[in-house]
Amino acid sequence: MTHYPIKHPVIFLAFGLGSGLAPKAPGTAGSALALVFLPLLACLGWWGSAIFIVVAAIFGVWLCGQAAHILGVHDHASIVWDEFVGQWLALFPIVGIAAINAETVVATLLAFALFRLFDIKKPWPISWCDQHLEGGLGIMLDDIIAGLVAGGVLWGIMVSGFWPF
C-alpha cells in the first residue's frame, strides 16, 4: 500500500479532504463528496456561489500544481480538487432551488451523472485540455470545462420543457 503525506494541508485539500484516497474511482468519490457542499452553495446564492467557485478554481490551479510537485506525478488519480470544482460548476444551475425536495434530488443526481460522464469520456475540447496542458492549469481546466458543459446540459434540460417538475 502506498502512503501519501495526507497530513500535509496541500495534499489533504488536493485529495478532496481525503476522498481521493478511495481505492476505486477516486474521481467519482471526490465528485460525490463535493455534493455535500450544495447547501453551502444554495445559502450563498447565485453571485456568492459564482464567486466561491471562481476562487476555488483559481486556488485549485495553484493547489493541484503544488500537490503534483510534492507527489512527483503530473495528475495523480488521488488529486480530486479539480473534481470538486467541476462538480460545483455542474451544480450551479440548481443553487437557486432553496428547498430540499424531489426536484432538488433529481437535479443533483443528474448534475452528478452528467459531470462524471463528461469527465470520464472527455469529448473535445475537454480531451484537448487533458492531453495538452501541464501543471495545475492542466489538472484543473478539463474538469472546469466538463463541469460547465454538464451544468449547461442540466440547465438546458430544466428550461426546455423536458424537466418533469
Foldseek 3Di string as FASTA:
>chain_A
DDDDPCVPVLNCVQLQVVLLVPPPQSLLSSLVVLLVCLLVLLVLPQVRLVVVLVVLLVVQLVSLLVNCVRVVHFQDSSRHSLSSSLLSLLCNVCSPPNDPDPLSVVSSVQSSVQLVVCLVVVDPPLVVLCPPDTGSCSNRVSSNVSSNVNNVVSNCCVPVPVRPD
